[in-house]
Amino acid sequence: MKTVFYLQDSAPYGSEKVYGALNAAIVCIKMGVTLGLYEDGVYLALAGQNSKPLGVPNLADILYAYPDLNVLAHEPSLNARGLMMESLIETVELVDEIDFLNAMEASDFVVLL
């Protein structure tokens, strides 16, 4: 079975990139998909988001809706933004640089968004 790694490095709100990446990843769940959150992409994994003032859906809720979606958060990106592991959604796995790169290399396809 082919596997896909979606690398998401954009903040969850302000563009369609994250919404598109989530939808693409969800479609590929049965195929074997990993959503890798890198740089500003780690903000998607924060628990307790309130997107109502922006007038858009809460994208973090999508992660709760699809617990089978494998989501990796890049620990150095989290640390660089002063965020703590405890602030992440429970379904997100925090990984170091080596494990993040290994997950990318183990995938048949890497999609940069």
Protein backbone atom coordinates (compact mmCIF):
# COMPACT_ATOMS: atom_id res chain seq x y z
CA MET A 1 0.00 0.00 0.00
CA LYS A 2 1.29 3.47 -0.86
CA THR A 3 1.68 6.02 1.93
CA VAL A 4 1.53 9.80 1.82
CA PHE A 5 3.13 12.39 4.11
CA TYR A 6 1.56 15.87 3.96
CA LEU A 7 3.95 18.50 5.27
CA GLN A 8 2.00 21.46 6.66
CA ASP A 9 4.03 24.52 7.61
CA SER A 10 1.37 27.27 7.52
CA ALA A 11 -0.66 28.69 10.38
CA PRO A 12 -4.16 27.20 10.46
CA TYR A 13 -6.03 30.41 9.75
CA GLY A 14 -5.52 33.09 7.13
CA SER A 15 -5.25 30.89 4.06
CA GLU A 16 -6.88 27.83 2.52
CA LYS A 17 -3.69 25.77 2.68
CA VAL A 18 -4.40 24.03 5.98
CA TYR A 19 -8.05 23.36 5.18
CA GLY A 20 -7.00 21.86 1.85
CA ALA A 21 -4.29 19.75 3.45
CA LEU A 22 -6.71 18.39 6.04
CA ASN A 23 -9.26 17.46 3.40
CA ALA A 24 -6.61 15.78 1.24
CA ALA A 25 -5.24 13.86 4.21
CA ILE A 26 -8.68 12.69 5.29
CA VAL A 27 -9.40 11.34 1.82
CA CYS A 28 -6.18 9.30 2.02
CA ILE A 29 -6.70 7.83 5.52
CA LYS A 30 -7.27 4.30 4.22
CA MET A 31 -4.20 4.66 2.02
CA GLY A 32 -1.89 5.38 4.93
CA VAL A 33 -1.43 9.07 5.51
CA THR A 34 0.53 11.20 7.92
CA LEU A 35 0.01 14.91 8.44
CA GLY A 36 3.27 16.46 9.59
CA LEU A 37 2.96 19.80 11.36
CA TYR A 38 6.10 21.89 10.96
CA GLU A 39 6.98 25.53 11.75
CA ASP A 40 3.71 27.53 12.01
CA GLY A 41 1.76 24.38 11.15
CA VAL A 42 2.10 23.26 14.79
CA TYR A 43 -0.51 25.86 15.74
CA LEU A 44 -3.14 23.56 14.22
CA ALA A 45 -2.49 21.06 17.02
CA LEU A 46 -3.24 23.47 19.87
CA ALA A 47 -6.17 22.48 22.05
CA GLY A 48 -8.87 25.00 22.92
CA GLN A 49 -8.83 27.05 19.72
CA ASN A 50 -11.60 29.60 19.25
CA SER A 51 -12.04 30.52 15.60
CA LYS A 52 -15.49 32.13 16.01
CA PRO A 53 -14.13 35.70 15.95
CA LEU A 54 -12.60 34.89 12.56
CA GLY A 55 -15.90 33.54 11.24
CA VAL A 56 -14.35 30.24 10.11
CA PRO A 57 -14.67 26.63 11.28
CA ASN A 58 -12.37 25.41 14.02
CA LEU A 59 -9.84 23.37 12.06
CA ALA A 60 -8.53 21.63 15.18
CA ASP A 61 -11.97 20.05 15.56
CA ILE A 62 -11.28 18.15 12.34
CA LEU A 63 -8.41 16.39 14.09
CA TYR A 64 -10.83 15.22 16.78
CA ALA A 65 -13.35 14.11 14.15
CA TYR A 66 -10.79 11.84 12.45
CA PRO A 67 -8.86 10.04 15.20
CA ASP A 68 -7.43 7.62 12.61
CA LEU A 69 -5.52 10.47 10.97
CA ASN A 70 -1.87 10.15 11.98
CA VAL A 71 -0.71 13.65 12.98
CA LEU A 72 2.89 14.39 13.96
CA ALA A 73 3.96 17.70 15.48
CA HIS A 74 7.60 18.70 15.04
CA GLU A 75 8.94 19.29 18.56
CA PRO A 76 11.65 21.84 17.59
CA SER A 77 8.96 23.94 15.85
CA LEU A 78 6.80 23.79 18.96
CA ASN A 79 9.71 24.81 21.18
CA ALA A 80 10.71 27.68 18.86
CA ARG A 81 7.21 29.15 19.34
CA GLY A 82 7.28 28.82 23.12
CA LEU A 83 4.57 26.17 23.10
CA MET A 84 4.40 23.21 25.43
CA MET A 85 3.50 19.60 24.70
CA GLU A 86 0.67 19.83 27.24
CA SER A 87 -1.09 22.38 25.03
CA LEU A 88 -1.55 19.90 22.16
CA ILE A 89 -4.64 17.95 21.20
CA GLU A 90 -4.43 14.43 22.61
CA THR A 91 -4.52 12.75 19.19
CA VAL A 92 -1.34 14.51 18.03
CA GLU A 93 2.03 12.84 18.51
CA LEU A 94 4.99 15.06 19.36
CA VAL A 95 8.19 13.87 17.66
CA ASP A 96 11.77 15.06 17.52
CA GLU A 97 13.64 16.06 14.36
CA ILE A 98 14.93 12.57 13.60
CA ASP A 99 11.55 10.83 14.00
CA PHE A 100 9.87 13.54 11.91
CA LEU A 101 12.39 13.08 9.08
CA ASN A 102 12.18 9.29 9.36
CA ALA A 103 8.40 9.45 8.93
CA MET A 104 8.86 11.56 5.81
CA GLU A 105 11.48 9.23 4.37
CA ALA A 106 9.36 6.15 5.10
CA SER A 107 6.47 7.52 3.04
CA ASP A 108 6.08 6.76 -0.65
CA PHE A 109 5.00 10.31 -1.39
CA VAL A 110 5.68 13.63 0.34
CA VAL A 111 3.33 16.50 -0.45
CA LEU A 112 4.51 19.99 0.48
CA LEU A 113 1.71 22.48 0.89
